[in-house]
Amino acid sequence: MSVFTRLVEELGRLLEPVLAESATAAAIVLFTVLVRLALHPLNRAAFRGATPVAGLLPVLLQLPVFFLMYRAFSSPGELLDHRLLAAPLGARWSDALGAGGFLGAQGLVFLGLFAAIAAVAAWSAVRGRRAAAEAPVPVPAANVSAEQQEALRKLGGVLPLLSFGTLITAAVVPLAAGLYLVTTTAWSVAERAWLQHRKRSSP
């Protein structure tokens, strides 16, 4: 965890002349982007259907990063002193509510985070439903009943809504982990949109 902490601190120092006390928050966003850039070849391979493992690896490789982010801002250390505007990066939404209420200075920071996550989730849901509507109707297998086909159709309509579950997670983890969540989720949606666009435009 010390390597991760040191990296975030160094990125924060580089950004401090421009972003002042919010430099560490920006460093978390930048760190997340660097992680996702490193994982992009795996995501691209998964999108092309290269191997089933390629689709699972990016998710598994992000779990340790999220865990480190959670631990770094849940345990005593230098990073807990850093803030995003009025809210400490180690604070949770319950802390913000206790420090000034729903519309207090810290509460407004969390509301901004929740609004960003909701916007990304809505974008993901709209894109998911549009992709499902445009996809060709598969020929049903002989061993799949009509009831099973209907259940699969309903599941396909619900799955895009699961991205709103990130809101619940962001409400209970430290603000720093919430920043990681909104950045990586936005990257995932944008990356998939870009890959789909390239697939449609390629001859």
C-alpha atoms as a PDB file:
ATOM      1  CA  MET A   1       0.000   0.000   0.000  1.00  0.00           C
ATOM      2  CA  SER A   2       2.949   2.346   0.572  1.00  0.00           C
ATOM      3  CA  VAL A   3       3.817   2.284  -3.155  1.00  0.00           C
ATOM      4  CA  PHE A   4       0.248   3.250  -4.039  1.00  0.00           C
ATOM      5  CA  THR A   5       0.220   5.994  -1.394  1.00  0.00           C
ATOM      6  CA  ARG A   6       3.539   7.351  -2.605  1.00  0.00           C
ATOM      7  CA  LEU A   7       2.356   7.403  -6.214  1.00  0.00           C
ATOM      8  CA  VAL A   8      -0.853   9.294  -5.374  1.00  0.00           C
ATOM      9  CA  GLU A   9       1.112  11.748  -3.222  1.00  0.00           C
ATOM     10  CA  GLU A  10       3.633  12.408  -6.012  1.00  0.00           C
ATOM     11  CA  LEU A  11       0.881  12.946  -8.570  1.00  0.00           C
ATOM     12  CA  GLY A  12      -0.823  15.285  -6.088  1.00  0.00           C
ATOM     13  CA  ARG A  13       2.366  17.315  -5.659  1.00  0.00           C
ATOM     14  CA  LEU A  14       2.649  17.718  -9.429  1.00  0.00           C
ATOM     15  CA  LEU A  15      -0.932  18.998  -9.643  1.00  0.00           C
ATOM     16  CA  GLU A  16      -0.847  21.142  -6.488  1.00  0.00           C
ATOM     17  CA  PRO A  17       0.312  24.393  -8.151  1.00  0.00           C
ATOM     18  CA  VAL A  18      -2.821  24.344 -10.311  1.00  0.00           C
ATOM     19  CA  LEU A  19      -5.440  22.647  -8.112  1.00  0.00           C
ATOM     20  CA  ALA A  20      -4.288  23.574  -4.573  1.00  0.00           C
ATOM     21  CA  GLU A  21      -6.073  21.505  -1.893  1.00  0.00           C
ATOM     22  CA  SER A  22      -7.989  19.434  -4.466  1.00  0.00           C
ATOM     23  CA  ALA A  23      -4.749  18.194  -6.082  1.00  0.00           C
ATOM     24  CA  THR A  24      -4.881  14.773  -4.399  1.00  0.00           C
ATOM     25  CA  ALA A  25      -8.468  14.274  -5.598  1.00  0.00           C
ATOM     26  CA  ALA A  26      -7.309  15.053  -9.139  1.00  0.00           C
ATOM     27  CA  ALA A  27      -4.380  12.663  -8.622  1.00  0.00           C
ATOM     28  CA  ILE A  28      -6.856   9.868  -7.840  1.00  0.00           C
ATOM     29  CA  VAL A  29      -8.712  10.582 -11.082  1.00  0.00           C
ATOM     30  CA  LEU A  30      -5.414  10.639 -13.016  1.00  0.00           C
ATOM     31  CA  PHE A  31      -4.258   7.421 -11.347  1.00  0.00           C
ATOM     32  CA  THR A  32      -7.546   5.743 -12.311  1.00  0.00           C
ATOM     33  CA  VAL A  33      -7.137   6.874 -15.925  1.00  0.00           C
ATOM     34  CA  LEU A  34      -3.601   5.432 -15.991  1.00  0.00           C
ATOM     35  CA  VAL A  35      -4.881   2.099 -14.655  1.00  0.00           C
ATOM     36  CA  ARG A  36      -7.639   1.990 -17.271  1.00  0.00           C
ATOM     37  CA  LEU A  37      -5.191   2.893 -20.032  1.00  0.00           C
ATOM     38  CA  ALA A  38      -3.009  -0.030 -18.972  1.00  0.00           C
ATOM     39  CA  LEU A  39      -6.049  -2.330 -19.101  1.00  0.00           C
ATOM     40  CA  HIS A  40      -7.304  -1.046 -22.472  1.00  0.00           C
ATOM     41  CA  PRO A  41      -5.648  -3.794 -24.569  1.00  0.00           C
ATOM     42  CA  LEU A  42      -7.446  -6.433 -22.484  1.00  0.00           C
ATOM     43  CA  ASN A  43     -10.773  -4.624 -22.829  1.00  0.00           C
ATOM     44  CA  ARG A  44     -10.273  -4.307 -26.568  1.00  0.00           C
ATOM     45  CA  ALA A  45      -9.526  -8.031 -26.831  1.00  0.00           C
ATOM     46  CA  ALA A  46     -12.630  -8.823 -24.764  1.00  0.00           C
ATOM     47  CA  PHE A  47     -14.791  -6.623 -27.000  1.00  0.00           C
ATOM     48  CA  ARG A  48     -13.538  -8.466 -30.061  1.00  0.00           C
ATOM     49  CA  GLY A  49     -14.337 -11.764 -28.377  1.00  0.00           C
ATOM     50  CA  ALA A  50     -10.729 -12.931 -28.454  1.00  0.00           C
ATOM     51  CA  THR A  51     -10.989 -15.080 -25.325  1.00  0.00           C
ATOM     52  CA  PRO A  52     -13.532 -15.420 -22.506  1.00  0.00           C
ATOM     53  CA  VAL A  53     -10.753 -14.756 -19.966  1.00  0.00           C
ATOM     54  CA  ALA A  54      -9.973 -11.398 -21.581  1.00  0.00           C
ATOM     55  CA  GLY A  55     -13.360 -10.062 -20.480  1.00  0.00           C
ATOM     56  CA  LEU A  56     -12.870 -11.176 -16.871  1.00  0.00           C
ATOM     57  CA  LEU A  57      -9.279 -10.062 -16.332  1.00  0.00           C
ATOM     58  CA  PRO A  58      -9.865  -6.270 -16.439  1.00  0.00           C
ATOM     59  CA  VAL A  59     -12.527  -6.575 -13.736  1.00  0.00           C
ATOM     60  CA  LEU A  60     -10.342  -8.794 -11.542  1.00  0.00           C
ATOM     61  CA  LEU A  61      -7.303  -6.544 -11.956  1.00  0.00           C
ATOM     62  CA  GLN A  62      -9.284  -3.485 -10.846  1.00  0.00           C
ATOM     63  CA  LEU A  63     -10.398  -5.070  -7.574  1.00  0.00           C
ATOM     64  CA  PRO A  64      -6.974  -4.772  -5.865  1.00  0.00           C
ATOM     65  CA  VAL A  65      -6.757  -1.131  -6.969  1.00  0.00           C
ATOM     66  CA  PHE A  66     -10.154  -0.349  -5.461  1.00  0.00           C
ATOM     67  CA  PHE A  67      -9.196  -2.232  -2.290  1.00  0.00           C
ATOM     68  CA  LEU A  68      -5.967  -0.218  -1.973  1.00  0.00           C
ATOM     69  CA  MET A  69      -7.891   3.013  -2.517  1.00  0.00           C
ATOM     70  CA  TYR A  70     -10.393   2.028   0.155  1.00  0.00           C
ATOM     71  CA  ARG A  71      -7.701   1.043   2.661  1.00  0.00           C
ATOM     72  CA  ALA A  72      -5.535   4.115   2.030  1.00  0.00           C
ATOM     73  CA  PHE A  73      -8.422   6.453   2.844  1.00  0.00           C
ATOM     74  CA  SER A  74      -9.891   4.387   5.675  1.00  0.00           C
ATOM     75  CA  SER A  75      -6.707   3.955   7.720  1.00  0.00           C
ATOM     76  CA  PRO A  76      -4.791   6.712   9.554  1.00  0.00           C
ATOM     77  CA  GLY A  77      -2.204   8.329   7.297  1.00  0.00           C
ATOM     78  CA  GLU A  78      -1.131  11.446   5.450  1.00  0.00           C
ATOM     79  CA  LEU A  79      -3.730  11.063   2.710  1.00  0.00           C
ATOM     80  CA  LEU A  80      -6.610  11.587   5.144  1.00  0.00           C
ATOM     81  CA  ASP A  81      -5.646  15.258   5.468  1.00  0.00           C
ATOM     82  CA  HIS A  82      -6.379  15.957   1.798  1.00  0.00           C
ATOM     83  CA  ARG A  83      -9.711  17.265   0.562  1.00  0.00           C
ATOM     84  CA  LEU A  84     -11.930  17.740  -2.460  1.00  0.00           C
ATOM     85  CA  LEU A  85     -13.220  21.272  -1.993  1.00  0.00           C
ATOM     86  CA  ALA A  86     -14.828  21.186   1.492  1.00  0.00           C
ATOM     87  CA  ALA A  87     -14.921  17.381   1.958  1.00  0.00           C
ATOM     88  CA  PRO A  88     -12.041  15.259   3.315  1.00  0.00           C
ATOM     89  CA  LEU A  89     -11.148  12.418   0.927  1.00  0.00           C
ATOM     90  CA  GLY A  90     -11.504   9.935   3.780  1.00  0.00           C
ATOM     91  CA  ALA A  91     -15.029  11.098   4.666  1.00  0.00           C
ATOM     92  CA  ARG A  92     -18.153   9.099   3.940  1.00  0.00           C
ATOM     93  CA  TRP A  93     -21.595  10.479   3.135  1.00  0.00           C
ATOM     94  CA  SER A  94     -22.726   9.812   6.704  1.00  0.00           C
ATOM     95  CA  ASP A  95     -19.830  12.006   7.918  1.00  0.00           C
ATOM     96  CA  ALA A  96     -20.891  14.763   5.527  1.00  0.00           C
ATOM     97  CA  LEU A  97     -24.480  14.600   6.768  1.00  0.00           C
ATOM     98  CA  GLY A  98     -23.258  14.865  10.350  1.00  0.00           C
ATOM     99  CA  ALA A  99     -20.955  17.786   9.527  1.00  0.00           C
ATOM    100  CA  GLY A 100     -23.547  20.079   7.993  1.00  0.00           C
ATOM    101  CA  GLY A 101     -26.483  18.162   6.685  1.00  0.00           C
ATOM    102  CA  PHE A 102     -27.689  17.295   3.219  1.00  0.00           C
ATOM    103  CA  LEU A 103     -26.924  20.750   1.782  1.00  0.00           C
ATOM    104  CA  GLY A 104     -23.881  21.516   3.917  1.00  0.00           C
ATOM    105  CA  ALA A 105     -20.492  22.203   2.344  1.00  0.00           C
ATOM    106  CA  GLN A 106     -19.423  18.544   2.510  1.00  0.00           C
ATOM    107  CA  GLY A 107     -22.898  17.301   1.614  1.00  0.00           C
ATOM    108  CA  LEU A 108     -22.841  19.314  -1.622  1.00  0.00           C
ATOM    109  CA  VAL A 109     -19.556  17.670  -2.642  1.00  0.00           C
ATOM    110  CA  PHE A 110     -21.154  14.245  -2.222  1.00  0.00           C
ATOM    111  CA  LEU A 111     -24.275  15.373  -4.085  1.00  0.00           C
ATOM    112  CA  GLY A 112     -22.032  16.411  -6.974  1.00  0.00           C
ATOM    113  CA  LEU A 113     -20.371  12.987  -6.902  1.00  0.00           C
ATOM    114  CA  PHE A 114     -23.752  11.224  -6.839  1.00  0.00           C
ATOM    115  CA  ALA A 115     -25.008  13.373  -9.729  1.00  0.00           C
ATOM    116  CA  ALA A 116     -21.940  12.455 -11.803  1.00  0.00           C
ATOM    117  CA  ILE A 117     -22.388   8.734 -11.054  1.00  0.00           C
ATOM    118  CA  ALA A 118     -26.119   8.934 -11.887  1.00  0.00           C
ATOM    119  CA  ALA A 119     -25.353  10.682 -15.191  1.00  0.00           C
ATOM    120  CA  VAL A 120     -22.823   7.993 -16.161  1.00  0.00           C
ATOM    121  CA  ALA A 121     -25.245   5.238 -15.086  1.00  0.00           C
ATOM    122  CA  ALA A 122     -28.060   6.795 -17.138  1.00  0.00           C
ATOM    123  CA  TRP A 123     -25.774   7.062 -20.169  1.00  0.00           C
ATOM    124  CA  SER A 124     -24.785   3.409 -19.711  1.00  0.00           C
ATOM    125  CA  ALA A 125     -28.422   2.307 -19.386  1.00  0.00           C
ATOM    126  CA  VAL A 126     -29.500   4.216 -22.508  1.00  0.00           C
ATOM    127  CA  ARG A 127     -26.597   2.818 -24.541  1.00  0.00           C
ATOM    128  CA  GLY A 128     -27.266  -0.708 -23.243  1.00  0.00           C
ATOM    129  CA  ARG A 129     -30.944  -0.614 -24.199  1.00  0.00           C
ATOM    130  CA  ARG A 130     -30.172   0.900 -27.581  1.00  0.00           C
ATOM    131  CA  ALA A 131     -27.570  -1.791 -28.281  1.00  0.00           C
ATOM    132  CA  ALA A 132     -30.034  -4.498 -27.220  1.00  0.00           C
ATOM    133  CA  ALA A 133     -32.712  -3.045 -29.501  1.00  0.00           C
ATOM    134  CA  GLU A 134     -30.333  -2.857 -32.480  1.00  0.00           C
ATOM    135  CA  ALA A 135     -28.874  -6.342 -31.974  1.00  0.00           C
ATOM    136  CA  PRO A 136     -30.126  -9.031 -34.369  1.00  0.00           C
ATOM    137  CA  VAL A 137     -32.657 -11.430 -32.885  1.00  0.00           C
ATOM    138  CA  PRO A 138     -30.819 -14.692 -32.153  1.00  0.00           C
ATOM    139  CA  VAL A 139     -32.229 -17.962 -33.379  1.00  0.00           C
ATOM    140  CA  PRO A 140     -33.520 -19.756 -30.264  1.00  0.00           C
ATOM    141  CA  ALA A 141     -31.832 -23.015 -29.387  1.00  0.00           C
ATOM    142  CA  ALA A 142     -33.924 -26.145 -29.571  1.00  0.00           C
ATOM    143  CA  ASN A 143     -33.560 -26.823 -25.840  1.00  0.00           C
ATOM    144  CA  VAL A 144     -34.615 -23.296 -24.715  1.00  0.00           C
ATOM    145  CA  SER A 145     -38.284 -22.961 -23.760  1.00  0.00           C
ATOM    146  CA  ALA A 146     -40.459 -19.919 -24.438  1.00  0.00           C
ATOM    147  CA  GLU A 147     -40.472 -19.117 -20.701  1.00  0.00           C
ATOM    148  CA  GLN A 148     -36.669 -19.159 -20.594  1.00  0.00           C
ATOM    149  CA  GLN A 149     -36.476 -16.902 -23.647  1.00  0.00           C
ATOM    150  CA  GLU A 150     -38.860 -14.435 -21.989  1.00  0.00           C
ATOM    151  CA  ALA A 151     -36.808 -14.516 -18.759  1.00  0.00           C
ATOM    152  CA  LEU A 152     -33.626 -13.786 -20.730  1.00  0.00           C
ATOM    153  CA  ARG A 153     -35.352 -10.906 -22.521  1.00  0.00           C
ATOM    154  CA  LYS A 154     -36.425  -9.369 -19.197  1.00  0.00           C
ATOM    155  CA  LEU A 155     -32.953  -9.843 -17.748  1.00  0.00           C
ATOM    156  CA  GLY A 156     -31.493  -8.011 -20.731  1.00  0.00           C
ATOM    157  CA  GLY A 157     -33.730  -5.056 -19.904  1.00  0.00           C
ATOM    158  CA  VAL A 158     -32.721  -5.014 -16.233  1.00  0.00           C
ATOM    159  CA  LEU A 159     -28.944  -5.444 -16.598  1.00  0.00           C
ATOM    160  CA  PRO A 160     -28.274  -1.880 -17.836  1.00  0.00           C
ATOM    161  CA  LEU A 161     -29.950  -0.563 -14.667  1.00  0.00           C
ATOM    162  CA  LEU A 162     -27.418  -2.349 -12.445  1.00  0.00           C
ATOM    163  CA  SER A 163     -24.919   0.445 -13.083  1.00  0.00           C
ATOM    164  CA  PHE A 164     -27.043   2.561 -10.713  1.00  0.00           C
ATOM    165  CA  GLY A 165     -25.827   0.240  -7.942  1.00  0.00           C
ATOM    166  CA  THR A 166     -22.579   2.229  -7.995  1.00  0.00           C
ATOM    167  CA  LEU A 167     -24.539   5.003  -6.271  1.00  0.00           C
ATOM    168  CA  ILE A 168     -25.131   2.776  -3.251  1.00  0.00           C
ATOM    169  CA  THR A 169     -21.451   1.831  -3.079  1.00  0.00           C
ATOM    170  CA  ALA A 170     -20.348   5.466  -3.350  1.00  0.00           C
ATOM    171  CA  ALA A 171     -22.610   6.379  -0.428  1.00  0.00           C
ATOM    172  CA  VAL A 172     -20.832   4.007   1.984  1.00  0.00           C
ATOM    173  CA  VAL A 173     -17.165   4.143   0.910  1.00  0.00           C
ATOM    174  CA  PRO A 174     -14.724   7.039   1.442  1.00  0.00           C
ATOM    175  CA  LEU A 175     -14.980   9.956  -0.992  1.00  0.00           C
ATOM    176  CA  ALA A 176     -11.654   8.947  -2.583  1.00  0.00           C
ATOM    177  CA  ALA A 177     -13.053   5.515  -3.462  1.00  0.00           C
ATOM    178  CA  GLY A 178     -16.173   7.212  -4.851  1.00  0.00           C
ATOM    179  CA  LEU A 179     -13.950   9.297  -7.134  1.00  0.00           C
ATOM    180  CA  TYR A 180     -12.312   6.101  -8.332  1.00  0.00           C
ATOM    181  CA  LEU A 181     -15.727   4.548  -8.996  1.00  0.00           C
ATOM    182  CA  VAL A 182     -17.110   7.442 -11.030  1.00  0.00           C
ATOM    183  CA  THR A 183     -13.897   7.732 -13.071  1.00  0.00           C
ATOM    184  CA  THR A 184     -13.587   4.032 -13.874  1.00  0.00           C
ATOM    185  CA  THR A 185     -17.325   3.725 -14.644  1.00  0.00           C
ATOM    186  CA  ALA A 186     -17.244   6.736 -16.978  1.00  0.00           C
ATOM    187  CA  TRP A 187     -14.159   5.292 -18.659  1.00  0.00           C
ATOM    188  CA  SER A 188     -15.886   1.923 -19.155  1.00  0.00           C
ATOM    189  CA  VAL A 189     -18.937   3.471 -20.814  1.00  0.00           C
ATOM    190  CA  ALA A 190     -16.880   5.807 -23.011  1.00  0.00           C
ATOM    191  CA  GLU A 191     -14.451   3.033 -23.970  1.00  0.00           C
ATOM    192  CA  ARG A 192     -17.268   0.709 -24.995  1.00  0.00           C
ATOM    193  CA  ALA A 193     -18.954   3.478 -27.011  1.00  0.00           C
ATOM    194  CA  TRP A 194     -15.666   4.172 -28.808  1.00  0.00           C
ATOM    195  CA  LEU A 195     -15.063   0.476 -29.545  1.00  0.00           C
ATOM    196  CA  GLN A 196     -18.605   0.079 -30.874  1.00  0.00           C
ATOM    197  CA  HIS A 197     -18.162   3.167 -33.060  1.00  0.00           C
ATOM    198  CA  ARG A 198     -14.911   1.804 -34.477  1.00  0.00           C
ATOM    199  CA  LYS A 199     -16.559  -1.556 -35.150  1.00  0.00           C
ATOM    200  CA  ARG A 200     -19.443   0.088 -37.046  1.00  0.00           C
ATOM    201  CA  SER A 201     -17.147   2.366 -39.057  1.00  0.00           C
ATOM    202  CA  SER A 202     -14.619  -0.341 -39.969  1.00  0.00           C
ATOM    203  CA  PRO A 203     -15.121  -1.954 -43.395  1.00  0.00           C
END
